[in-house]
Amino acid sequence: MASEPVPLQPAVLADAEPQPAVAVTSRPVTGRPSDPSELLPGLPSGRWHPRVPGRRPPRLIRGSGVTVHGQIEDWLADTIAAGRLAPGDRLPTEHDLADWLGVSRMTLRHALAELAQRGLVTRTVGRSGGTFVAEPKVEQDLTVLAGFSEQLRRHGLVAGARVLAADEIPASPAAAAALEIGTGDPVYEVRRLRLAGGQPILIEHSLFPAERCPGLLGHRLDGSIYELLDEEYGLRPHRARESLEPVLAGVREAEALGVTEGAPLMLIERTAYSAAGQPLEFARDLFRGDRTKVVVWTSELAGGI
């Protein structure tokens, strides 16, 4: 016979001393059961509930200069960043969470919408729907020149590639200028959909000067092209100039990346050079804004400013 669900017990919270937001945890401490359902009978597995005994709501400041929904957004973002809410964890219903926090559902919805916009949570509708913690974003470190495959390996992720197009075409004026060749000279165009853990992350559009890597299209193109250039032609990219521009997904990009039309994307335009200074690649890559985080390390300029 199925056990009856345990009713919520607000009295547990009423007797507790107020604590700052950092004291809030969404997972049991070490040595206690890892599944919230073991702490609160009747709670479905994988469902995070605020009224697990010992959990306290964050302090919310109500006054000029601060917004309540912004504080809730920051609290949940910090909880996710600290690992107290893990990818796939389901948040309580809007009614339960708003009641526990002491705010209106509209205020809570505003906070959740901002978190969804930042790619920290996903929201679905239907009987099995709700608000879930999203998978962490893939870091793209622009401080060092490394291909997508190498970047993912550093984070313990498996990279994949689906070739969308591979052909020899005449260089456009923009490509010719970047690759330091003549307009109309042959270049190899390679379009690929790059995957992380089987999920689409970016669309690569790369152009390579045919005279510097003859026969490139005869090789397998579903792995690291940078490694291919190094092993077959001795032309390992050594440095690059990259620029970033936020753009919106068109119909074709949205379909390939599995996002809605108009979703935010990050366009990274790159010209990669060999150690001898020869341009090897002119690329325009489109990254999903909800699954990618760009990282750049900086240091003080030599000799000061």
C-alpha atoms as a PDB file:
ATOM      1  CA  MET A   1       0.000   0.000   0.000  1.00  0.00           C
ATOM      2  CA  ALA A   2       1.423   3.414  -0.963  1.00  0.00           C
ATOM      3  CA  SER A   3       2.351   5.631   1.974  1.00  0.00           C
ATOM      4  CA  GLU A   4       0.405   8.836   2.444  1.00  0.00           C
ATOM      5  CA  PRO A   5       2.305  12.048   1.725  1.00  0.00           C
ATOM      6  CA  VAL A   6       3.590  13.878   4.772  1.00  0.00           C
ATOM      7  CA  PRO A   7       1.953  17.306   5.185  1.00  0.00           C
ATOM      8  CA  LEU A   8       4.116  20.419   5.144  1.00  0.00           C
ATOM      9  CA  GLN A   9       5.192  21.578   8.611  1.00  0.00           C
ATOM     10  CA  PRO A  10       5.824  25.317   8.688  1.00  0.00           C
ATOM     11  CA  ALA A  11       6.296  25.153  12.457  1.00  0.00           C
ATOM     12  CA  VAL A  12       9.744  23.647  11.866  1.00  0.00           C
ATOM     13  CA  LEU A  13      10.771  26.922  10.199  1.00  0.00           C
ATOM     14  CA  ALA A  14       8.991  29.173  12.669  1.00  0.00           C
ATOM     15  CA  ASP A  15      11.103  27.958  15.593  1.00  0.00           C
ATOM     16  CA  ALA A  16      14.390  28.303  13.737  1.00  0.00           C
ATOM     17  CA  GLU A  17      16.783  31.219  14.224  1.00  0.00           C
ATOM     18  CA  PRO A  18      17.094  33.435  11.097  1.00  0.00           C
ATOM     19  CA  GLN A  19      20.140  32.609   8.997  1.00  0.00           C
ATOM     20  CA  PRO A  20      21.807  34.372   6.059  1.00  0.00           C
ATOM     21  CA  ALA A  21      21.303  33.056   2.558  1.00  0.00           C
ATOM     22  CA  VAL A  22      24.636  31.253   2.515  1.00  0.00           C
ATOM     23  CA  ALA A  23      23.385  28.956   5.238  1.00  0.00           C
ATOM     24  CA  VAL A  24      20.633  27.616   3.000  1.00  0.00           C
ATOM     25  CA  THR A  25      21.362  24.165   1.619  1.00  0.00           C
ATOM     26  CA  SER A  26      19.435  22.109  -0.840  1.00  0.00           C
ATOM     27  CA  ARG A  27      21.269  18.867  -0.204  1.00  0.00           C
ATOM     28  CA  PRO A  28      21.801  16.896   3.032  1.00  0.00           C
ATOM     29  CA  VAL A  29      25.160  17.211   4.773  1.00  0.00           C
ATOM     30  CA  THR A  30      27.749  14.466   4.453  1.00  0.00           C
ATOM     31  CA  GLY A  31      26.703  11.259   6.181  1.00  0.00           C
ATOM     32  CA  ARG A  32      22.986  11.820   5.627  1.00  0.00           C
ATOM     33  CA  PRO A  33      20.895  10.355   2.834  1.00  0.00           C
ATOM     34  CA  SER A  34      21.596  11.949  -0.581  1.00  0.00           C
ATOM     35  CA  ASP A  35      18.005  11.583  -1.788  1.00  0.00           C
ATOM     36  CA  PRO A  36      15.595  14.191  -0.347  1.00  0.00           C
ATOM     37  CA  SER A  37      12.808  11.606  -0.438  1.00  0.00           C
ATOM     38  CA  GLU A  38      14.664   9.734   2.308  1.00  0.00           C
ATOM     39  CA  LEU A  39      14.439  12.821   4.528  1.00  0.00           C
ATOM     40  CA  LEU A  40      10.828  13.618   3.750  1.00  0.00           C
ATOM     41  CA  PRO A  41       8.675  10.526   3.075  1.00  0.00           C
ATOM     42  CA  GLY A  42       6.295  10.947   0.169  1.00  0.00           C
ATOM     43  CA  LEU A  43       8.664  13.331  -1.660  1.00  0.00           C
ATOM     44  CA  PRO A  44       9.382  12.057  -5.217  1.00  0.00           C
ATOM     45  CA  SER A  45      12.996  11.146  -5.942  1.00  0.00           C
ATOM     46  CA  GLY A  46      14.919  14.000  -7.513  1.00  0.00           C
ATOM     47  CA  ARG A  47      12.457  16.607  -6.213  1.00  0.00           C
ATOM     48  CA  TRP A  48      14.049  19.350  -4.124  1.00  0.00           C
ATOM     49  CA  HIS A  49      11.703  20.722  -1.479  1.00  0.00           C
ATOM     50  CA  PRO A  50      12.383  23.746   0.715  1.00  0.00           C
ATOM     51  CA  ARG A  51      10.667  22.382   3.783  1.00  0.00           C
ATOM     52  CA  VAL A  52      12.990  19.470   4.347  1.00  0.00           C
ATOM     53  CA  PRO A  53      13.695  19.748   8.113  1.00  0.00           C
ATOM     54  CA  GLY A  54      16.553  22.153   8.836  1.00  0.00           C
ATOM     55  CA  ARG A  55      16.227  24.161   5.625  1.00  0.00           C
ATOM     56  CA  ARG A  56      15.577  27.863   6.102  1.00  0.00           C
ATOM     57  CA  PRO A  57      14.572  30.552   3.592  1.00  0.00           C
ATOM     58  CA  PRO A  58      17.046  33.322   2.768  1.00  0.00           C
ATOM     59  CA  ARG A  59      16.658  36.780   4.215  1.00  0.00           C
ATOM     60  CA  LEU A  60      15.024  39.107   1.711  1.00  0.00           C
ATOM     61  CA  ILE A  61      15.568  42.840   2.053  1.00  0.00           C
ATOM     62  CA  ARG A  62      12.606  44.986   1.149  1.00  0.00           C
ATOM     63  CA  GLY A  63      13.602  48.557   0.487  1.00  0.00           C
ATOM     64  CA  SER A  64      14.652  51.083  -2.104  1.00  0.00           C
ATOM     65  CA  GLY A  65      17.562  50.198  -4.332  1.00  0.00           C
ATOM     66  CA  VAL A  66      17.022  46.423  -4.233  1.00  0.00           C
ATOM     67  CA  THR A  67      14.429  44.130  -5.761  1.00  0.00           C
ATOM     68  CA  VAL A  68      13.074  41.004  -4.139  1.00  0.00           C
ATOM     69  CA  HIS A  69      13.101  39.026  -7.382  1.00  0.00           C
ATOM     70  CA  GLY A  70      16.758  39.981  -7.892  1.00  0.00           C
ATOM     71  CA  GLN A  71      17.658  38.659  -4.432  1.00  0.00           C
ATOM     72  CA  ILE A  72      15.838  35.384  -5.115  1.00  0.00           C
ATOM     73  CA  GLU A  73      17.602  35.089  -8.467  1.00  0.00           C
ATOM     74  CA  ASP A  74      21.006  35.647  -6.814  1.00  0.00           C
ATOM     75  CA  TRP A  75      20.231  33.190  -4.012  1.00  0.00           C
ATOM     76  CA  LEU A  76      19.236  30.411  -6.394  1.00  0.00           C
ATOM     77  CA  ALA A  77      22.193  31.158  -8.701  1.00  0.00           C
ATOM     78  CA  ASP A  78      24.603  30.944  -5.747  1.00  0.00           C
ATOM     79  CA  THR A  79      22.986  27.712  -4.577  1.00  0.00           C
ATOM     80  CA  ILE A  80      23.465  26.208  -8.051  1.00  0.00           C
ATOM     81  CA  ALA A  81      27.061  27.472  -8.307  1.00  0.00           C
ATOM     82  CA  ALA A  82      27.904  25.955  -4.904  1.00  0.00           C
ATOM     83  CA  GLY A  83      26.614  22.555  -6.034  1.00  0.00           C
ATOM     84  CA  ARG A  84      23.798  22.437  -3.500  1.00  0.00           C
ATOM     85  CA  LEU A  85      21.435  22.186  -6.456  1.00  0.00           C
ATOM     86  CA  ALA A  86      22.722  19.817  -9.139  1.00  0.00           C
ATOM     87  CA  PRO A  87      21.879  19.504 -12.843  1.00  0.00           C
ATOM     88  CA  GLY A  88      18.509  17.776 -13.219  1.00  0.00           C
ATOM     89  CA  ASP A  89      17.251  18.746  -9.757  1.00  0.00           C
ATOM     90  CA  ARG A  90      13.613  19.807  -9.862  1.00  0.00           C
ATOM     91  CA  LEU A  91      12.574  22.868  -7.897  1.00  0.00           C
ATOM     92  CA  PRO A  92       9.305  22.930  -5.954  1.00  0.00           C
ATOM     93  CA  THR A  93       6.147  24.194  -7.574  1.00  0.00           C
ATOM     94  CA  GLU A  94       5.816  27.962  -7.893  1.00  0.00           C
ATOM     95  CA  HIS A  95       3.072  27.886  -5.238  1.00  0.00           C
ATOM     96  CA  ASP A  96       5.185  25.996  -2.688  1.00  0.00           C
ATOM     97  CA  LEU A  97       8.402  27.948  -3.278  1.00  0.00           C
ATOM     98  CA  ALA A  98       6.701  31.350  -3.286  1.00  0.00           C
ATOM     99  CA  ASP A  99       4.841  30.483  -0.074  1.00  0.00           C
ATOM    100  CA  TRP A 100       8.061  29.351   1.621  1.00  0.00           C
ATOM    101  CA  LEU A 101       9.928  32.489   0.545  1.00  0.00           C
ATOM    102  CA  GLY A 102       7.022  34.720   1.550  1.00  0.00           C
ATOM    103  CA  VAL A 103       6.655  36.377  -1.860  1.00  0.00           C
ATOM    104  CA  SER A 104       4.048  36.494  -4.574  1.00  0.00           C
ATOM    105  CA  ARG A 105       4.106  33.999  -7.439  1.00  0.00           C
ATOM    106  CA  MET A 106       4.617  36.888  -9.872  1.00  0.00           C
ATOM    107  CA  THR A 107       7.799  37.921  -8.030  1.00  0.00           C
ATOM    108  CA  LEU A 108       9.063  34.340  -8.068  1.00  0.00           C
ATOM    109  CA  ARG A 109       8.236  33.948 -11.764  1.00  0.00           C
ATOM    110  CA  HIS A 110      10.292  37.039 -12.515  1.00  0.00           C
ATOM    111  CA  ALA A 111      13.318  35.522 -10.755  1.00  0.00           C
ATOM    112  CA  LEU A 112      12.886  32.140 -12.471  1.00  0.00           C
ATOM    113  CA  ALA A 113      12.529  33.815 -15.877  1.00  0.00           C
ATOM    114  CA  GLU A 114      15.829  35.628 -15.340  1.00  0.00           C
ATOM    115  CA  LEU A 115      17.534  32.372 -14.322  1.00  0.00           C
ATOM    116  CA  ALA A 116      16.154  30.678 -17.444  1.00  0.00           C
ATOM    117  CA  GLN A 117      17.443  33.562 -19.574  1.00  0.00           C
ATOM    118  CA  ARG A 118      20.902  33.024 -18.036  1.00  0.00           C
ATOM    119  CA  GLY A 119      20.717  29.314 -18.840  1.00  0.00           C
ATOM    120  CA  LEU A 120      20.809  28.211 -15.193  1.00  0.00           C
ATOM    121  CA  VAL A 121      17.378  26.545 -15.200  1.00  0.00           C
ATOM    122  CA  THR A 122      15.034  25.089 -17.785  1.00  0.00           C
ATOM    123  CA  ARG A 123      11.256  25.317 -17.608  1.00  0.00           C
ATOM    124  CA  THR A 124       8.844  22.829 -19.144  1.00  0.00           C
ATOM    125  CA  VAL A 125       5.080  22.453 -19.114  1.00  0.00           C
ATOM    126  CA  GLY A 126       2.841  19.425 -18.720  1.00  0.00           C
ATOM    127  CA  ARG A 127       2.293  16.789 -16.062  1.00  0.00           C
ATOM    128  CA  SER A 128       6.016  15.988 -15.801  1.00  0.00           C
ATOM    129  CA  GLY A 129       7.035  19.607 -16.313  1.00  0.00           C
ATOM    130  CA  GLY A 130       8.421  22.139 -13.888  1.00  0.00           C
ATOM    131  CA  THR A 131      11.627  24.074 -13.278  1.00  0.00           C
ATOM    132  CA  PHE A 132      14.850  22.080 -13.431  1.00  0.00           C
ATOM    133  CA  VAL A 133      18.494  22.973 -12.857  1.00  0.00           C
ATOM    134  CA  ALA A 134      20.183  23.110 -16.258  1.00  0.00           C
ATOM    135  CA  GLU A 135      23.404  21.425 -17.293  1.00  0.00           C
ATOM    136  CA  PRO A 136      26.463  23.619 -16.626  1.00  0.00           C
ATOM    137  CA  LYS A 137      27.652  25.837 -19.449  1.00  0.00           C
ATOM    138  CA  VAL A 138      30.594  24.791 -21.589  1.00  0.00           C
ATOM    139  CA  GLU A 139      33.563  27.090 -21.031  1.00  0.00           C
ATOM    140  CA  GLN A 140      35.269  28.471 -24.127  1.00  0.00           C
ATOM    141  CA  ASP A 141      38.654  29.798 -23.015  1.00  0.00           C
ATOM    142  CA  LEU A 142      39.895  32.396 -25.501  1.00  0.00           C
ATOM    143  CA  THR A 143      43.107  33.000 -23.561  1.00  0.00           C
ATOM    144  CA  VAL A 144      44.773  30.010 -25.231  1.00  0.00           C
ATOM    145  CA  LEU A 145      44.364  28.858 -28.824  1.00  0.00           C
ATOM    146  CA  ALA A 146      42.788  25.422 -28.674  1.00  0.00           C
ATOM    147  CA  GLY A 147      40.186  23.676 -30.783  1.00  0.00           C
ATOM    148  CA  PHE A 148      36.746  22.803 -29.478  1.00  0.00           C
ATOM    149  CA  SER A 149      37.716  19.133 -28.998  1.00  0.00           C
ATOM    150  CA  GLU A 150      40.708  20.050 -26.868  1.00  0.00           C
ATOM    151  CA  GLN A 151      38.707  22.566 -24.841  1.00  0.00           C
ATOM    152  CA  LEU A 152      36.131  19.908 -23.957  1.00  0.00           C
ATOM    153  CA  ARG A 153      38.770  17.301 -23.081  1.00  0.00           C
ATOM    154  CA  ARG A 154      40.177  19.695 -20.502  1.00  0.00           C
ATOM    155  CA  HIS A 155      36.782  19.716 -18.793  1.00  0.00           C
ATOM    156  CA  GLY A 156      36.270  15.956 -19.021  1.00  0.00           C
ATOM    157  CA  LEU A 157      33.597  16.207 -21.731  1.00  0.00           C
ATOM    158  CA  VAL A 158      33.293  14.242 -24.968  1.00  0.00           C
ATOM    159  CA  ALA A 159      33.298  16.318 -28.157  1.00  0.00           C
ATOM    160  CA  GLY A 160      31.462  15.304 -31.297  1.00  0.00           C
ATOM    161  CA  ALA A 161      31.090  16.712 -34.794  1.00  0.00           C
ATOM    162  CA  ARG A 162      28.494  16.381 -37.525  1.00  0.00           C
ATOM    163  CA  VAL A 163      29.694  17.606 -40.922  1.00  0.00           C
ATOM    164  CA  LEU A 164      27.027  19.794 -42.527  1.00  0.00           C
ATOM    165  CA  ALA A 165      28.977  20.781 -45.649  1.00  0.00           C
ATOM    166  CA  ALA A 166      32.506  20.392 -47.051  1.00  0.00           C
ATOM    167  CA  ASP A 167      33.412  21.850 -50.418  1.00  0.00           C
ATOM    168  CA  GLU A 168      35.982  23.847 -52.402  1.00  0.00           C
ATOM    169  CA  ILE A 169      34.760  27.368 -53.170  1.00  0.00           C
ATOM    170  CA  PRO A 170      36.283  30.657 -54.396  1.00  0.00           C
ATOM    171  CA  ALA A 171      37.382  33.022 -51.639  1.00  0.00           C
ATOM    172  CA  SER A 172      35.152  36.027 -51.005  1.00  0.00           C
ATOM    173  CA  PRO A 173      36.797  39.434 -50.570  1.00  0.00           C
ATOM    174  CA  ALA A 174      36.487  39.187 -46.763  1.00  0.00           C
ATOM    175  CA  ALA A 175      37.952  35.657 -46.659  1.00  0.00           C
ATOM    176  CA  ALA A 176      40.726  36.608 -49.081  1.00  0.00           C
ATOM    177  CA  ALA A 177      41.728  39.572 -46.945  1.00  0.00           C
ATOM    178  CA  ALA A 178      41.792  37.471 -43.763  1.00  0.00           C
ATOM    179  CA  LEU A 179      43.723  34.579 -45.358  1.00  0.00           C
ATOM    180  CA  GLU A 180      46.040  36.901 -47.335  1.00  0.00           C
ATOM    181  CA  ILE A 181      45.184  35.318 -50.691  1.00  0.00           C
ATOM    182  CA  GLY A 182      43.570  36.619 -53.839  1.00  0.00           C
ATOM    183  CA  THR A 183      39.843  37.072 -54.211  1.00  0.00           C
ATOM    184  CA  GLY A 184      38.520  33.997 -55.983  1.00  0.00           C
ATOM    185  CA  ASP A 185      41.434  31.781 -54.949  1.00  0.00           C
ATOM    186  CA  PRO A 186      40.285  28.291 -53.880  1.00  0.00           C
ATOM    187  CA  VAL A 187      39.465  27.712 -50.211  1.00  0.00           C
ATOM    188  CA  TYR A 188      38.054  24.698 -48.424  1.00  0.00           C
ATOM    189  CA  GLU A 189      34.761  25.454 -46.714  1.00  0.00           C
ATOM    190  CA  VAL A 190      33.855  23.222 -43.777  1.00  0.00           C
ATOM    191  CA  ARG A 191      30.594  23.630 -41.859  1.00  0.00           C
ATOM    192  CA  ARG A 192      30.130  21.439 -38.798  1.00  0.00           C
ATOM    193  CA  LEU A 193      27.696  21.099 -35.911  1.00  0.00           C
ATOM    194  CA  ARG A 194      29.756  20.589 -32.752  1.00  0.00           C
ATOM    195  CA  LEU A 195      28.388  18.536 -29.878  1.00  0.00           C
ATOM    196  CA  ALA A 196      29.188  18.289 -26.171  1.00  0.00           C
ATOM    197  CA  GLY A 197      27.922  15.117 -24.557  1.00  0.00           C
ATOM    198  CA  GLY A 198      25.726  14.551 -27.605  1.00  0.00           C
ATOM    199  CA  GLN A 199      24.055  17.968 -27.349  1.00  0.00           C
ATOM    200  CA  PRO A 200      24.543  20.676 -30.032  1.00  0.00           C
ATOM    201  CA  ILE A 201      26.641  23.594 -28.797  1.00  0.00           C
ATOM    202  CA  LEU A 202      27.881  25.510 -31.824  1.00  0.00           C
ATOM    203  CA  ILE A 203      27.965  25.740 -35.586  1.00  0.00           C
ATOM    204  CA  GLU A 204      31.471  26.021 -37.025  1.00  0.00           C
ATOM    205  CA  HIS A 205      32.020  27.684 -40.387  1.00  0.00           C
ATOM    206  CA  SER A 206      35.709  27.529 -41.315  1.00  0.00           C
ATOM    207  CA  LEU A 207      37.619  28.422 -44.482  1.00  0.00           C
ATOM    208  CA  PHE A 208      41.107  27.041 -45.169  1.00  0.00           C
ATOM    209  CA  PRO A 209      43.412  28.145 -48.029  1.00  0.00           C
ATOM    210  CA  ALA A 210      43.600  25.177 -50.411  1.00  0.00           C
ATOM    211  CA  GLU A 211      47.218  25.880 -51.452  1.00  0.00           C
ATOM    212  CA  ARG A 212      48.450  25.498 -47.863  1.00  0.00           C
ATOM    213  CA  CYS A 213      46.612  22.253 -47.044  1.00  0.00           C
ATOM    214  CA  PRO A 214      45.981  20.443 -50.350  1.00  0.00           C
ATOM    215  CA  GLY A 215      43.611  17.478 -50.161  1.00  0.00           C
ATOM    216  CA  LEU A 216      42.172  18.505 -46.806  1.00  0.00           C
ATOM    217  CA  LEU A 217      38.661  17.439 -47.774  1.00  0.00           C
ATOM    218  CA  GLY A 218      39.911  13.907 -48.466  1.00  0.00           C
ATOM    219  CA  HIS A 219      40.498  13.350 -44.746  1.00  0.00           C
ATOM    220  CA  ARG A 220      37.963  12.617 -42.017  1.00  0.00           C
ATOM    221  CA  LEU A 221      36.511  15.883 -40.783  1.00  0.00           C
ATOM    222  CA  ASP A 222      34.538  14.677 -37.750  1.00  0.00           C
ATOM    223  CA  GLY A 223      37.482  15.073 -35.355  1.00  0.00           C
ATOM    224  CA  SER A 224      39.852  17.898 -34.477  1.00  0.00           C
ATOM    225  CA  ILE A 225      40.820  19.774 -37.641  1.00  0.00           C
ATOM    226  CA  TYR A 226      43.608  21.555 -35.770  1.00  0.00           C
ATOM    227  CA  GLU A 227      45.170  18.180 -34.968  1.00  0.00           C
ATOM    228  CA  LEU A 228      44.675  17.154 -38.603  1.00  0.00           C
ATOM    229  CA  LEU A 229      46.482  20.281 -39.833  1.00  0.00           C
ATOM    230  CA  ASP A 230      49.332  19.575 -37.448  1.00  0.00           C
ATOM    231  CA  GLU A 231      49.727  15.863 -38.231  1.00  0.00           C
ATOM    232  CA  GLU A 232      49.234  15.979 -42.021  1.00  0.00           C
ATOM    233  CA  TYR A 233      50.630  19.395 -42.958  1.00  0.00           C
ATOM    234  CA  GLY A 234      52.811  20.502 -40.031  1.00  0.00           C
ATOM    235  CA  LEU A 235      50.673  23.636 -39.719  1.00  0.00           C
ATOM    236  CA  ARG A 236      49.552  23.731 -36.121  1.00  0.00           C
ATOM    237  CA  PRO A 237      47.698  27.024 -35.437  1.00  0.00           C
ATOM    238  CA  HIS A 238      49.908  29.060 -33.116  1.00  0.00           C
ATOM    239  CA  ARG A 239      47.990  32.290 -32.464  1.00  0.00           C
ATOM    240  CA  ALA A 240      44.692  33.862 -33.461  1.00  0.00           C
ATOM    241  CA  ARG A 241      42.772  37.105 -33.559  1.00  0.00           C
ATOM    242  CA  GLU A 242      39.232  36.621 -32.287  1.00  0.00           C
ATOM    243  CA  SER A 243      36.299  39.003 -31.972  1.00  0.00           C
ATOM    244  CA  LEU A 244      32.984  38.445 -30.171  1.00  0.00           C
ATOM    245  CA  GLU A 245      29.558  39.700 -31.176  1.00  0.00           C
ATOM    246  CA  PRO A 246      26.140  38.816 -29.714  1.00  0.00           C
ATOM    247  CA  VAL A 247      23.628  37.859 -32.420  1.00  0.00           C
ATOM    248  CA  LEU A 248      20.207  36.210 -32.674  1.00  0.00           C
ATOM    249  CA  ALA A 249      19.498  32.778 -34.137  1.00  0.00           C
ATOM    250  CA  GLY A 250      17.935  32.664 -37.572  1.00  0.00           C
ATOM    251  CA  VAL A 251      15.662  29.874 -38.744  1.00  0.00           C
ATOM    252  CA  ARG A 252      18.470  27.582 -39.971  1.00  0.00           C
ATOM    253  CA  GLU A 253      20.709  28.176 -36.948  1.00  0.00           C
ATOM    254  CA  ALA A 254      17.824  27.607 -34.548  1.00  0.00           C
ATOM    255  CA  GLU A 255      16.896  24.315 -36.188  1.00  0.00           C
ATOM    256  CA  ALA A 256      20.483  23.025 -36.159  1.00  0.00           C
ATOM    257  CA  LEU A 257      21.189  24.056 -32.565  1.00  0.00           C
ATOM    258  CA  GLY A 258      17.813  23.032 -31.151  1.00  0.00           C
ATOM    259  CA  VAL A 259      16.861  26.518 -29.942  1.00  0.00           C
ATOM    260  CA  THR A 260      14.015  28.870 -30.762  1.00  0.00           C
ATOM    261  CA  GLU A 261      14.309  31.409 -33.545  1.00  0.00           C
ATOM    262  CA  GLY A 262      15.643  34.639 -32.070  1.00  0.00           C
ATOM    263  CA  ALA A 263      17.510  32.876 -29.238  1.00  0.00           C
ATOM    264  CA  PRO A 264      20.768  34.597 -28.207  1.00  0.00           C
ATOM    265  CA  LEU A 265      23.953  33.291 -29.829  1.00  0.00           C
ATOM    266  CA  MET A 266      27.583  34.364 -29.547  1.00  0.00           C
ATOM    267  CA  LEU A 267      29.400  34.878 -32.841  1.00  0.00           C
ATOM    268  CA  ILE A 268      33.163  34.390 -32.563  1.00  0.00           C
ATOM    269  CA  GLU A 269      35.085  35.431 -35.682  1.00  0.00           C
ATOM    270  CA  ARG A 270      38.622  34.065 -35.810  1.00  0.00           C
ATOM    271  CA  THR A 271      41.696  34.212 -38.012  1.00  0.00           C
ATOM    272  CA  ALA A 272      44.266  31.618 -36.952  1.00  0.00           C
ATOM    273  CA  TYR A 273      47.956  31.827 -37.877  1.00  0.00           C
ATOM    274  CA  SER A 274      50.849  29.379 -37.972  1.00  0.00           C
ATOM    275  CA  ALA A 275      54.050  29.945 -35.981  1.00  0.00           C
ATOM    276  CA  ALA A 276      55.520  31.486 -39.151  1.00  0.00           C
ATOM    277  CA  GLY A 277      52.665  33.996 -39.352  1.00  0.00           C
ATOM    278  CA  GLN A 278      50.739  32.408 -42.244  1.00  0.00           C
ATOM    279  CA  PRO A 279      46.937  32.606 -41.978  1.00  0.00           C
ATOM    280  CA  LEU A 280      45.562  29.067 -41.804  1.00  0.00           C
ATOM    281  CA  GLU A 281      41.880  29.534 -41.011  1.00  0.00           C
ATOM    282  CA  PHE A 282      39.172  32.160 -41.248  1.00  0.00           C
ATOM    283  CA  ALA A 283      36.170  31.114 -39.140  1.00  0.00           C
ATOM    284  CA  ARG A 284      32.820  32.424 -37.967  1.00  0.00           C
ATOM    285  CA  ASP A 285      31.480  30.198 -35.173  1.00  0.00           C
ATOM    286  CA  LEU A 286      28.013  30.496 -33.612  1.00  0.00           C
ATOM    287  CA  PHE A 287      27.766  29.383 -29.981  1.00  0.00           C
ATOM    288  CA  ARG A 288      24.533  28.789 -28.065  1.00  0.00           C
ATOM    289  CA  GLY A 289      24.190  31.566 -25.516  1.00  0.00           C
ATOM    290  CA  ASP A 290      22.421  29.300 -23.011  1.00  0.00           C
ATOM    291  CA  ARG A 291      25.110  26.600 -23.056  1.00  0.00           C
ATOM    292  CA  THR A 292      28.350  28.550 -23.481  1.00  0.00           C
ATOM    293  CA  LYS A 293      30.452  30.766 -21.237  1.00  0.00           C
ATOM    294  CA  VAL A 294      33.399  32.686 -22.693  1.00  0.00           C
ATOM    295  CA  VAL A 295      36.470  32.975 -20.438  1.00  0.00           C
ATOM    296  CA  VAL A 296      39.422  35.329 -20.965  1.00  0.00           C
ATOM    297  CA  TRP A 297      42.409  35.630 -18.618  1.00  0.00           C
ATOM    298  CA  THR A 298      44.125  39.021 -18.501  1.00  0.00           C
ATOM    299  CA  SER A 299      47.282  40.391 -16.935  1.00  0.00           C
ATOM    300  CA  GLU A 300      48.936  43.741 -16.399  1.00  0.00           C
ATOM    301  CA  LEU A 301      50.536  45.237 -19.502  1.00  0.00           C
ATOM    302  CA  ALA A 302      54.327  45.052 -19.568  1.00  0.00           C
ATOM    303  CA  GLY A 303      55.780  48.348 -18.356  1.00  0.00           C
ATOM    304  CA  GLY A 304      52.449  49.547 -16.952  1.00  0.00           C
ATOM    305  CA  ILE A 305      49.931  51.824 -18.620  1.00  0.00           C
END
